[in-house]
Amino acid sequence: MKKIITPMIAALILLVGLNAADEKKEKTAKTKPELVTLELSGKLVKKETKGKNEQTYTYYYLETETSGKIRLAKTALPKPKKGEDGKKTEALSFDKFLDSNVKIVAKGYVKELKNKEKRTYVRVIESLTKS
């Protein structure tokens, strides 16, 4: 009798523990924010910093009057597409627009931080023009 009851109790404890772990994972799962079209304008600036390994890191920011500094990732730039003649079009680069006022149409989202401050995140840049 003890040989049957002991494994049953161990299996029951194991199942209860697994169920509690699944519930905890569901509560902490993050949802991706919905991307909306953003129209931003401001001055494009570049900042270079040195890392711990003496490597130089380059960051690009859009300084706006309303939102402050918005960090722009190089991965957000559109990929070069093939033109009508079959050749790739010239890729966009932030370096062409440095220290000038620009207008950006992009997909992104605005997130409220814990300190009630709102931060704008840009994921995909659709167009980048001088204003």
C-alpha atoms as a PDB file:
ATOM      1  CA  MET A   1       0.000   0.000   0.000  1.00  0.00           C
ATOM      2  CA  LYS A   2       2.817   2.420   0.864  1.00  0.00           C
ATOM      3  CA  LYS A   3       4.441   1.656  -2.516  1.00  0.00           C
ATOM      4  CA  ILE A   4       1.360   3.013  -4.315  1.00  0.00           C
ATOM      5  CA  ILE A   5       0.550   6.039  -2.143  1.00  0.00           C
ATOM      6  CA  THR A   6       4.085   7.537  -1.972  1.00  0.00           C
ATOM      7  CA  PRO A   7       4.531   7.899  -5.788  1.00  0.00           C
ATOM      8  CA  MET A   8       0.978   9.269  -6.098  1.00  0.00           C
ATOM      9  CA  ILE A   9       1.708  11.985  -3.515  1.00  0.00           C
ATOM     10  CA  ALA A  10       5.013  12.859  -5.222  1.00  0.00           C
ATOM     11  CA  ALA A  11       3.266  13.138  -8.612  1.00  0.00           C
ATOM     12  CA  LEU A  12       0.534  15.333  -7.124  1.00  0.00           C
ATOM     13  CA  ILE A  13       3.105  17.715  -5.585  1.00  0.00           C
ATOM     14  CA  LEU A  14       4.974  17.886  -8.903  1.00  0.00           C
ATOM     15  CA  LEU A  15       1.795  18.717 -10.850  1.00  0.00           C
ATOM     16  CA  VAL A  16       0.801  21.467  -8.421  1.00  0.00           C
ATOM     17  CA  GLY A  17       4.282  23.016  -8.699  1.00  0.00           C
ATOM     18  CA  LEU A  18       4.232  22.944 -12.517  1.00  0.00           C
ATOM     19  CA  ASN A  19       0.778  24.514 -12.619  1.00  0.00           C
ATOM     20  CA  ALA A  20       1.885  27.378 -10.339  1.00  0.00           C
ATOM     21  CA  ALA A  21       4.967  27.995 -12.521  1.00  0.00           C
ATOM     22  CA  ASP A  22       2.796  28.237 -15.680  1.00  0.00           C
ATOM     23  CA  GLU A  23       0.484  30.775 -14.030  1.00  0.00           C
ATOM     24  CA  LYS A  24       3.477  32.915 -13.026  1.00  0.00           C
ATOM     25  CA  LYS A  25       4.842  32.885 -16.610  1.00  0.00           C
ATOM     26  CA  GLU A  26       1.484  34.008 -17.990  1.00  0.00           C
ATOM     27  CA  LYS A  27       1.373  36.991 -15.645  1.00  0.00           C
ATOM     28  CA  THR A  28       4.878  38.204 -16.513  1.00  0.00           C
ATOM     29  CA  ALA A  29       4.567  37.777 -20.284  1.00  0.00           C
ATOM     30  CA  LYS A  30       5.135  41.110 -22.052  1.00  0.00           C
ATOM     31  CA  THR A  31       2.998  42.170 -24.960  1.00  0.00           C
ATOM     32  CA  LYS A  32       4.477  44.013 -27.915  1.00  0.00           C
ATOM     33  CA  PRO A  33       3.099  47.518 -28.316  1.00  0.00           C
ATOM     34  CA  GLU A  34       1.093  48.352 -31.412  1.00  0.00           C
ATOM     35  CA  LEU A  35       3.066  50.402 -33.943  1.00  0.00           C
ATOM     36  CA  VAL A  36       1.474  53.670 -35.045  1.00  0.00           C
ATOM     37  CA  THR A  37       2.537  56.218 -37.653  1.00  0.00           C
ATOM     38  CA  LEU A  38       4.583  59.031 -36.125  1.00  0.00           C
ATOM     39  CA  GLU A  39       5.481  62.331 -37.785  1.00  0.00           C
ATOM     40  CA  LEU A  40       8.506  63.831 -36.078  1.00  0.00           C
ATOM     41  CA  SER A  41      10.575  66.892 -36.887  1.00  0.00           C
ATOM     42  CA  GLY A  42      13.677  68.323 -35.307  1.00  0.00           C
ATOM     43  CA  LYS A  43      17.450  68.478 -35.516  1.00  0.00           C
ATOM     44  CA  LEU A  44      19.417  65.271 -36.191  1.00  0.00           C
ATOM     45  CA  VAL A  45      22.534  64.988 -34.011  1.00  0.00           C
ATOM     46  CA  LYS A  46      25.254  62.391 -33.553  1.00  0.00           C
ATOM     47  CA  LYS A  47      26.889  61.309 -30.286  1.00  0.00           C
ATOM     48  CA  GLU A  48      29.967  59.115 -29.997  1.00  0.00           C
ATOM     49  CA  THR A  49      30.993  57.381 -26.780  1.00  0.00           C
ATOM     50  CA  LYS A  50      33.788  54.999 -25.843  1.00  0.00           C
ATOM     51  CA  GLY A  51      32.875  51.653 -24.354  1.00  0.00           C
ATOM     52  CA  LYS A  52      34.699  49.558 -21.769  1.00  0.00           C
ATOM     53  CA  ASN A  53      36.597  47.719 -24.493  1.00  0.00           C
ATOM     54  CA  GLU A  54      37.878  51.004 -26.064  1.00  0.00           C
ATOM     55  CA  GLN A  55      35.438  50.587 -28.957  1.00  0.00           C
ATOM     56  CA  THR A  56      33.655  53.728 -30.177  1.00  0.00           C
ATOM     57  CA  TYR A  57      29.863  53.574 -30.287  1.00  0.00           C
ATOM     58  CA  THR A  58      27.841  55.980 -32.436  1.00  0.00           C
ATOM     59  CA  TYR A  59      24.304  57.039 -31.520  1.00  0.00           C
ATOM     60  CA  TYR A  60      21.928  59.227 -33.525  1.00  0.00           C
ATOM     61  CA  TYR A  61      19.263  61.374 -31.872  1.00  0.00           C
ATOM     62  CA  LEU A  62      16.428  63.548 -33.106  1.00  0.00           C
ATOM     63  CA  GLU A  63      16.164  66.621 -30.882  1.00  0.00           C
ATOM     64  CA  THR A  64      12.562  67.841 -30.860  1.00  0.00           C
ATOM     65  CA  GLU A  65      10.992  70.728 -28.993  1.00  0.00           C
ATOM     66  CA  THR A  66       8.160  68.664 -27.520  1.00  0.00           C
ATOM     67  CA  SER A  67       9.608  65.186 -26.861  1.00  0.00           C
ATOM     68  CA  GLY A  68      13.243  66.030 -26.158  1.00  0.00           C
ATOM     69  CA  LYS A  69      15.787  63.545 -27.532  1.00  0.00           C
ATOM     70  CA  ILE A  70      14.515  60.533 -29.492  1.00  0.00           C
ATOM     71  CA  ARG A  71      17.096  57.834 -30.180  1.00  0.00           C
ATOM     72  CA  LEU A  72      17.176  56.592 -33.775  1.00  0.00           C
ATOM     73  CA  ALA A  73      18.526  53.117 -34.502  1.00  0.00           C
ATOM     74  CA  LYS A  74      20.369  52.358 -37.730  1.00  0.00           C
ATOM     75  CA  THR A  75      18.236  49.225 -38.058  1.00  0.00           C
ATOM     76  CA  ALA A  76      15.143  51.423 -38.391  1.00  0.00           C
ATOM     77  CA  LEU A  77      16.353  52.790 -41.735  1.00  0.00           C
ATOM     78  CA  PRO A  78      14.617  51.306 -44.804  1.00  0.00           C
ATOM     79  CA  LYS A  79      16.562  48.742 -46.800  1.00  0.00           C
ATOM     80  CA  PRO A  80      17.638  49.765 -50.332  1.00  0.00           C
ATOM     81  CA  LYS A  81      15.213  48.535 -52.973  1.00  0.00           C
ATOM     82  CA  LYS A  82      15.740  47.741 -56.624  1.00  0.00           C
ATOM     83  CA  GLY A  83      14.780  50.555 -58.961  1.00  0.00           C
ATOM     84  CA  GLU A  84      13.016  50.304 -62.320  1.00  0.00           C
ATOM     85  CA  ASP A  85      16.317  49.698 -64.111  1.00  0.00           C
ATOM     86  CA  GLY A  86      17.110  46.707 -61.862  1.00  0.00           C
ATOM     87  CA  LYS A  87      19.858  48.452 -59.866  1.00  0.00           C
ATOM     88  CA  LYS A  88      19.635  49.015 -56.128  1.00  0.00           C
ATOM     89  CA  THR A  89      18.733  52.515 -55.053  1.00  0.00           C
ATOM     90  CA  GLU A  90      21.096  54.414 -52.774  1.00  0.00           C
ATOM     91  CA  ALA A  91      20.668  53.486 -49.112  1.00  0.00           C
ATOM     92  CA  LEU A  92      19.555  56.172 -46.658  1.00  0.00           C
ATOM     93  CA  SER A  93      22.101  57.247 -44.079  1.00  0.00           C
ATOM     94  CA  PHE A  94      21.833  59.505 -41.057  1.00  0.00           C
ATOM     95  CA  ASP A  95      25.228  61.033 -41.894  1.00  0.00           C
ATOM     96  CA  LYS A  96      23.752  62.901 -44.891  1.00  0.00           C
ATOM     97  CA  PHE A  97      21.316  64.747 -42.629  1.00  0.00           C
ATOM     98  CA  LEU A  98      23.561  65.505 -39.617  1.00  0.00           C
ATOM     99  CA  ASP A  99      23.100  68.860 -37.859  1.00  0.00           C
ATOM    100  CA  SER A 100      20.147  69.826 -40.053  1.00  0.00           C
ATOM    101  CA  ASN A 101      16.425  70.038 -39.439  1.00  0.00           C
ATOM    102  CA  VAL A 102      14.669  66.926 -40.729  1.00  0.00           C
ATOM    103  CA  LYS A 103      11.158  65.529 -40.964  1.00  0.00           C
ATOM    104  CA  ILE A 104      10.716  61.822 -40.242  1.00  0.00           C
ATOM    105  CA  VAL A 105       7.657  59.689 -40.941  1.00  0.00           C
ATOM    106  CA  ALA A 106       8.053  56.439 -39.026  1.00  0.00           C
ATOM    107  CA  LYS A 107       6.306  53.546 -37.328  1.00  0.00           C
ATOM    108  CA  GLY A 108       6.790  53.431 -33.592  1.00  0.00           C
ATOM    109  CA  TYR A 109       5.121  53.856 -30.227  1.00  0.00           C
ATOM    110  CA  VAL A 110       5.056  56.095 -27.165  1.00  0.00           C
ATOM    111  CA  LYS A 111       5.552  54.442 -23.784  1.00  0.00           C
ATOM    112  CA  GLU A 112       4.943  55.896 -20.328  1.00  0.00           C
ATOM    113  CA  LEU A 113       7.794  55.136 -17.965  1.00  0.00           C
ATOM    114  CA  LYS A 114       7.562  54.489 -14.211  1.00  0.00           C
ATOM    115  CA  ASN A 115       8.390  58.121 -13.436  1.00  0.00           C
ATOM    116  CA  LYS A 116       5.346  59.225 -15.517  1.00  0.00           C
ATOM    117  CA  GLU A 117       7.630  60.478 -18.294  1.00  0.00           C
ATOM    118  CA  LYS A 118       6.698  59.597 -21.884  1.00  0.00           C
ATOM    119  CA  ARG A 119       9.353  58.227 -24.246  1.00  0.00           C
ATOM    120  CA  THR A 120       9.026  57.800 -28.012  1.00  0.00           C
ATOM    121  CA  TYR A 121      10.473  54.709 -29.686  1.00  0.00           C
ATOM    122  CA  VAL A 122      11.029  54.558 -33.464  1.00  0.00           C
ATOM    123  CA  ARG A 123      11.080  51.058 -35.010  1.00  0.00           C
ATOM    124  CA  VAL A 124      10.805  51.595 -38.796  1.00  0.00           C
ATOM    125  CA  ILE A 125      11.569  54.822 -40.658  1.00  0.00           C
ATOM    126  CA  GLU A 126       9.417  55.227 -43.758  1.00  0.00           C
ATOM    127  CA  SER A 127      10.799  58.559 -45.009  1.00  0.00           C
ATOM    128  CA  LEU A 128      13.537  60.965 -43.978  1.00  0.00           C
ATOM    129  CA  THR A 129      13.688  64.437 -45.590  1.00  0.00           C
ATOM    130  CA  LYS A 130      15.282  67.799 -44.858  1.00  0.00           C
ATOM    131  CA  SER A 131      12.808  70.443 -43.796  1.00  0.00           C
END
